[in-house]
Amino acid sequence: MDLRAIFMGLAFAVMWSTAFTSARIIVQAAPPLSALALRFLISGLIGVALAAALGQSARLTARQWRSVVIFGLCQNALYLGMNFVAMQTVEASLASIIASAMPLMVALLAWVALGDRPAPLAMAGLVAGILGVALIMGARLSGGVDLRGMALCLLGAASLAVATLAVRGASSAGNLLMIVGLQMLVGAVALAGPALAFETLRIEWSAALVAAFVYTTLVSGLLATFVWFLLVQRIGAVRAATFHFLNPFFGVAIAAMLLGERLRPLDVLGVLIVAAGILAVQLSRRTGAGAAAPR
């Protein structure tokens, strides 16, 4: 892994983690599904326009269209939609910790649904990660966390884990930015109906809201997704996923700094355990991949 890949991985982790803080600001002042649908519409149109300017084609293969639809629905509409709704009542730090456990969910689902039995190191990581999340949730439950919001965060992470397994091995074949933009547009269309049906467009305008919306649209949305796919193309999905172990740290730290969310001792301990679990799972995959396909 070269320095450029390390920089890209760190940049992705920071951009991914700040998304929860910016989302928390947005949903306190605007209807969540409407804001998210507008974000996807803007970022999707920008992504498709830039892709067309770079000569990328919207003529995708059947497998690429499958990836566009699955990720557009599961990642953008379900995962982010549920998180935006949840963060009306759930702190950004808790939402980021639950979302950070997604690699653990992928490993668990691969074992249960596909028979992909984890290696001993991965098994230890799974156990540690589950215990870490349980520790954090137990502490938050005793403090009166909103159960509906926490359940939405869990369901959102699970939907993204399912999508990750469903499209693993898919290739962009040179149309990376076009695929990212189309995924955004699928999310916008999927969220438009529920937003119109269930939400009233009431917005409390402020400089913080505008800044958070611009940031989450251009940086956490379009740029972070683009950097992630570039990173996967550069070093492979297994190595790229290792950077996910940084997300609990960044997510909690950024929410504490920008939103003033209180850090509890059990939160810190739980984050350390979850991060160690994620790292163990990813290192196990890297070892397994290296053994299976030596250079």
Protein backbone atom coordinates (compact mmCIF):
# COMPACT_ATOMS: atom_id res chain seq x y z
CA MET A 1 0.00 0.00 0.00
CA ASP A 2 1.64 3.26 -1.17
CA LEU A 3 1.43 6.73 0.38
CA ARG A 4 -1.21 7.86 -2.10
CA ALA A 5 -3.46 4.95 -1.14
CA ILE A 6 -2.96 5.71 2.57
CA PHE A 7 -3.87 9.36 1.99
CA MET A 8 -6.95 8.37 0.01
CA GLY A 9 -8.01 5.93 2.74
CA LEU A 10 -7.60 8.52 5.50
CA ALA A 11 -9.45 11.12 3.44
CA PHE A 12 -12.32 8.72 2.84
CA ALA A 13 -12.55 7.83 6.55
CA VAL A 14 -12.73 11.51 7.54
CA MET A 15 -15.29 12.38 4.85
CA TRP A 16 -17.40 9.32 5.69
CA SER A 17 -17.32 10.07 9.41
CA THR A 18 -18.19 13.76 9.08
CA ALA A 19 -21.34 12.80 7.15
CA PHE A 20 -23.10 11.94 10.41
CA THR A 21 -22.35 15.30 11.97
CA SER A 22 -23.50 17.23 8.90
CA ALA A 23 -26.62 15.04 8.65
CA ARG A 24 -27.47 15.72 12.29
CA ILE A 25 -27.32 19.47 11.59
CA ILE A 26 -29.54 19.11 8.52
CA VAL A 27 -32.28 16.97 10.06
CA GLN A 28 -32.66 19.34 13.01
CA ALA A 29 -33.74 22.06 10.57
CA ALA A 30 -35.27 20.33 7.54
CA PRO A 31 -37.34 17.20 6.72
CA PRO A 32 -34.83 14.33 6.41
CA LEU A 33 -36.09 12.46 3.36
CA SER A 34 -36.72 15.63 1.36
CA ALA A 35 -33.25 16.95 2.18
CA LEU A 36 -31.64 13.62 1.27
CA ALA A 37 -33.58 13.32 -2.00
CA LEU A 38 -32.48 16.82 -3.00
CA ARG A 39 -28.90 16.03 -2.04
CA PHE A 40 -28.91 12.93 -4.26
CA LEU A 41 -30.53 14.77 -7.14
CA ILE A 42 -27.89 17.52 -7.08
CA SER A 43 -24.89 15.25 -6.54
CA GLY A 44 -26.20 12.72 -9.07
CA LEU A 45 -26.66 15.32 -11.80
CA ILE A 46 -23.19 16.74 -11.10
CA GLY A 47 -21.65 13.27 -11.16
CA VAL A 48 -23.33 12.28 -14.44
CA ALA A 49 -22.44 15.61 -16.07
CA LEU A 50 -18.78 15.33 -15.05
CA ALA A 51 -18.68 11.71 -16.21
CA ALA A 52 -20.11 12.66 -19.61
CA ALA A 53 -17.56 15.49 -19.91
CA LEU A 54 -14.81 12.96 -19.23
CA GLY A 55 -16.13 10.70 -21.97
CA GLN A 56 -17.66 8.06 -19.72
CA SER A 57 -20.67 6.23 -21.11
CA ALA A 58 -24.08 5.53 -19.59
CA ARG A 59 -24.25 2.35 -21.67
CA LEU A 60 -23.57 -0.05 -18.84
CA THR A 61 -23.52 -3.81 -18.76
CA ALA A 62 -26.35 -5.72 -17.13
CA ARG A 63 -24.15 -6.37 -14.10
CA GLN A 64 -23.24 -2.70 -13.79
CA TRP A 65 -26.92 -1.67 -13.95
CA ARG A 66 -27.65 -4.25 -11.27
CA SER A 67 -24.97 -2.65 -9.10
CA VAL A 68 -26.40 0.83 -9.79
CA VAL A 69 -29.92 -0.19 -8.78
CA ILE A 70 -28.96 -2.27 -5.73
CA PHE A 71 -26.60 0.33 -4.30
CA GLY A 72 -28.89 3.19 -5.24
CA LEU A 73 -31.72 1.57 -3.30
CA CYS A 74 -29.89 -0.14 -0.44
CA GLN A 75 -27.11 2.36 0.24
CA ASN A 76 -28.62 5.68 -0.74
CA ALA A 77 -32.35 5.22 -0.13
CA LEU A 78 -32.45 2.66 2.71
CA TYR A 79 -29.14 3.01 4.58
CA LEU A 80 -28.85 6.79 4.40
CA GLY A 81 -32.59 7.35 4.45
CA MET A 82 -32.98 5.42 7.69
CA ASN A 83 -29.99 7.17 9.21
CA PHE A 84 -31.29 10.63 8.32
CA VAL A 85 -34.67 9.84 9.88
CA ALA A 86 -33.00 8.28 12.92
CA MET A 87 -30.74 11.26 13.58
CA GLN A 88 -33.71 13.42 14.34
CA THR A 89 -33.64 11.71 17.74
CA VAL A 90 -30.32 9.82 17.83
CA GLU A 91 -26.93 11.47 18.31
CA ALA A 92 -24.50 11.51 15.39
CA SER A 93 -21.87 9.65 17.43
CA LEU A 94 -24.15 6.65 18.06
CA ALA A 95 -25.29 6.55 14.42
CA SER A 96 -21.68 6.57 13.24
CA ILE A 97 -20.68 3.76 15.61
CA ILE A 98 -23.55 1.54 14.43
CA ALA A 99 -22.78 2.30 10.77
CA SER A 100 -19.10 1.56 11.39
CA ALA A 101 -20.07 -2.00 12.34
CA MET A 102 -21.17 -2.67 8.74
CA PRO A 103 -18.01 -4.66 7.85
CA LEU A 104 -18.76 -6.91 10.82
CA MET A 105 -22.30 -7.42 9.50
CA VAL A 106 -20.91 -8.31 6.07
CA ALA A 107 -18.64 -10.95 7.56
CA LEU A 108 -21.48 -12.37 9.69
CA LEU A 109 -23.95 -12.46 6.77
CA ALA A 110 -21.35 -14.07 4.49
CA TRP A 111 -20.93 -16.82 7.09
CA VAL A 112 -24.64 -17.35 7.79
CA ALA A 113 -26.05 -16.91 4.27
CA LEU A 114 -23.18 -17.99 2.01
CA GLY A 115 -21.29 -20.47 4.19
CA ASP A 116 -18.15 -18.32 4.07
CA ARG A 117 -16.80 -19.41 7.45
CA PRO A 118 -14.52 -16.76 8.98
CA ALA A 119 -10.96 -17.58 9.98
CA PRO A 120 -10.11 -17.66 13.72
CA LEU A 121 -8.85 -14.05 13.67
CA ALA A 122 -12.02 -12.89 11.91
CA MET A 123 -14.14 -14.87 14.36
CA ALA A 124 -12.42 -13.13 17.26
CA GLY A 125 -13.00 -9.79 15.52
CA LEU A 126 -16.69 -10.54 15.07
CA VAL A 127 -17.12 -11.42 18.72
CA ALA A 128 -15.20 -8.34 19.83
CA GLY A 129 -17.14 -6.06 17.51
CA ILE A 130 -20.51 -7.38 18.63
CA LEU A 131 -19.51 -7.01 22.28
CA GLY A 132 -18.29 -3.45 21.64
CA VAL A 133 -21.53 -2.41 19.95
CA ALA A 134 -23.55 -4.10 22.72
CA LEU A 135 -21.54 -2.24 25.34
CA ILE A 136 -22.22 1.12 23.70
CA MET A 137 -25.90 0.35 23.16
CA GLY A 138 -26.31 -0.83 26.73
CA ALA A 139 -24.84 2.40 28.02
CA ARG A 140 -27.05 4.49 25.70
CA LEU A 141 -30.18 2.50 26.58
CA SER A 142 -29.61 3.20 30.25
CA GLY A 143 -29.33 6.88 29.33
CA GLY A 144 -32.68 6.88 27.53
CA VAL A 145 -31.75 6.63 23.84
CA ASP A 146 -34.61 6.56 21.33
CA LEU A 147 -35.22 2.89 20.51
CA ARG A 148 -36.92 3.60 17.18
CA GLY A 149 -33.99 5.70 16.02
CA MET A 150 -31.44 3.11 17.10
CA ALA A 151 -33.40 0.36 15.32
CA LEU A 152 -33.43 2.41 12.12
CA CYS A 153 -29.64 2.80 12.32
CA LEU A 154 -29.25 -0.98 12.70
CA LEU A 155 -31.62 -1.73 9.82
CA GLY A 156 -29.82 0.79 7.63
CA ALA A 157 -26.41 -0.76 8.28
CA ALA A 158 -27.86 -4.23 7.62
CA SER A 159 -29.30 -3.11 4.26
CA LEU A 160 -25.91 -1.79 3.19
CA ALA A 161 -24.26 -5.06 4.27
CA VAL A 162 -26.73 -7.03 2.13
CA ALA A 163 -26.03 -4.77 -0.85
CA THR A 164 -22.27 -5.18 -0.39
CA LEU A 165 -22.59 -8.96 -0.58
CA ALA A 166 -25.02 -8.79 -3.51
CA VAL A 167 -22.69 -6.84 -5.80
CA ARG A 168 -19.26 -8.01 -4.64
CA GLY A 169 -16.91 -8.52 -7.54
CA ALA A 170 -18.69 -5.97 -9.76
CA SER A 171 -16.44 -3.79 -11.94
CA SER A 172 -16.92 -0.21 -13.12
CA ALA A 173 -15.04 -0.91 -16.39
CA GLY A 174 -13.93 2.72 -16.74
CA ASN A 175 -17.34 4.26 -16.00
CA LEU A 176 -16.72 4.88 -12.31
CA LEU A 177 -18.03 8.44 -11.98
CA MET A 178 -21.03 7.68 -14.22
CA ILE A 179 -21.99 4.72 -12.03
CA VAL A 180 -21.64 6.80 -8.85
CA GLY A 181 -23.81 9.56 -10.34
CA LEU A 182 -26.49 7.11 -11.50
CA GLN A 183 -26.57 5.49 -8.05
CA MET A 184 -27.26 8.93 -6.58
CA LEU A 185 -30.12 9.51 -9.01
CA VAL A 186 -31.67 6.13 -8.16
CA GLY A 187 -31.58 7.17 -4.50
CA ALA A 188 -33.22 10.52 -5.32
CA VAL A 189 -36.07 8.85 -7.21
CA ALA A 190 -36.60 6.22 -4.51
CA LEU A 191 -36.80 8.84 -1.73
CA ALA A 192 -38.94 11.36 -3.60
CA GLY A 193 -42.18 9.40 -3.14
CA PRO A 194 -41.92 8.88 0.64
CA ALA A 195 -40.75 12.48 1.08
CA LEU A 196 -43.77 13.88 -0.76
CA ALA A 197 -46.16 11.48 0.96
CA PHE A 198 -45.04 11.77 4.57
CA GLU A 199 -43.19 15.06 5.05
CA THR A 200 -44.13 18.72 5.27
CA LEU A 201 -41.57 21.06 3.76
CA ARG A 202 -40.69 23.24 6.74
CA ILE A 203 -37.14 24.56 6.86
CA GLU A 204 -35.41 26.62 9.53
CA TRP A 205 -32.83 28.43 7.42
CA SER A 206 -29.40 29.19 8.85
CA ALA A 207 -25.78 29.44 7.73
CA ALA A 208 -25.05 26.15 9.51
CA LEU A 209 -27.82 24.38 7.56
CA VAL A 210 -26.61 25.69 4.20
CA ALA A 211 -22.99 24.80 4.97
CA ALA A 212 -23.93 21.31 6.18
CA PHE A 213 -26.08 20.67 3.10
CA VAL A 214 -23.41 21.82 0.66
CA TYR A 215 -20.79 19.77 2.48
CA THR A 216 -22.86 16.58 2.64
CA THR A 217 -23.87 16.93 -1.02
CA LEU A 218 -20.45 17.59 -2.54
CA VAL A 219 -17.98 16.12 -0.05
CA SER A 220 -19.56 13.38 2.06
CA GLY A 221 -21.80 12.36 -0.84
CA LEU A 222 -20.15 12.67 -4.23
CA LEU A 223 -16.45 13.07 -3.40
CA ALA A 224 -16.30 10.44 -0.64
CA THR A 225 -18.05 7.84 -2.81
CA PHE A 226 -15.75 8.61 -5.74
CA VAL A 227 -12.63 8.38 -3.56
CA TRP A 228 -13.84 5.07 -2.12
CA PHE A 229 -14.23 3.48 -5.54
CA LEU A 230 -10.85 4.84 -6.64
CA LEU A 231 -9.28 3.36 -3.52
CA VAL A 232 -10.89 -0.03 -4.18
CA GLN A 233 -9.59 0.03 -7.76
CA ARG A 234 -6.12 0.98 -6.55
CA ILE A 235 -5.57 -1.49 -3.71
CA GLY A 236 -8.56 -3.86 -3.81
CA ALA A 237 -11.70 -4.08 -1.70
CA VAL A 238 -10.11 -6.10 1.11
CA ARG A 239 -7.28 -3.67 1.80
CA ALA A 240 -9.49 -0.62 1.26
CA ALA A 241 -12.03 -1.91 3.80
CA THR A 242 -9.30 -1.89 6.45
CA PHE A 243 -9.74 1.89 6.71
CA HIS A 244 -13.23 1.32 8.11
CA PHE A 245 -11.64 0.63 11.52
CA LEU A 246 -10.91 4.37 11.74
CA ASN A 247 -14.55 5.36 11.30
CA PRO A 248 -15.67 4.83 14.93
CA PHE A 249 -12.83 7.07 16.16
CA PHE A 250 -13.44 9.85 13.65
CA GLY A 251 -17.24 9.67 13.93
CA VAL A 252 -17.28 10.06 17.70
CA ALA A 253 -14.47 12.65 17.81
CA ILE A 254 -15.98 14.88 15.10
CA ALA A 255 -19.45 14.78 16.68
CA ALA A 256 -17.94 15.73 20.03
CA MET A 257 -15.93 18.62 18.55
CA LEU A 258 -18.57 20.12 16.27
CA LEU A 259 -21.82 19.25 18.02
CA GLY A 260 -20.66 19.10 21.62
CA GLU A 261 -21.94 15.54 22.07
CA ARG A 262 -20.83 14.09 25.37
CA LEU A 263 -18.29 11.27 25.35
CA ARG A 264 -19.02 8.65 28.00
CA PRO A 265 -16.29 6.32 29.31
CA LEU A 266 -18.19 3.28 28.03
CA ASP A 267 -18.46 4.94 24.60
CA VAL A 268 -14.69 5.25 24.40
CA LEU A 269 -14.17 1.66 25.53
CA GLY A 270 -16.81 0.40 23.11
CA VAL A 271 -15.31 2.34 20.19
CA LEU A 272 -11.88 0.84 20.89
CA ILE A 273 -13.35 -2.68 20.98
CA VAL A 274 -15.39 -2.16 17.78
CA ALA A 275 -12.39 -0.70 15.95
CA ALA A 276 -10.22 -3.64 17.03
CA GLY A 277 -12.90 -6.06 15.85
CA ILE A 278 -13.19 -4.40 12.44
CA LEU A 279 -9.42 -4.38 12.04
CA ALA A 280 -9.19 -8.07 12.97
CA VAL A 281 -11.84 -9.02 10.40
CA GLN A 282 -10.19 -7.02 7.64
CA LEU A 283 -6.68 -8.25 8.45
CA SER A 284 -7.98 -11.80 8.38
CA ARG A 285 -9.49 -11.22 4.94
CA ARG A 286 -6.25 -9.70 3.72
CA THR A 287 -4.28 -12.71 4.96
CA GLY A 288 -6.75 -15.09 3.38
CA ALA A 289 -6.70 -13.24 0.09
CA GLY A 290 -2.93 -13.25 0.05
CA ALA A 291 -2.82 -16.99 0.67
CA ALA A 292 -5.39 -17.70 -2.01
CA ALA A 293 -3.79 -15.56 -4.70
CA PRO A 294 -0.04 -15.25 -4.11
CA ARG A 295 1.86 -12.81 -6.26
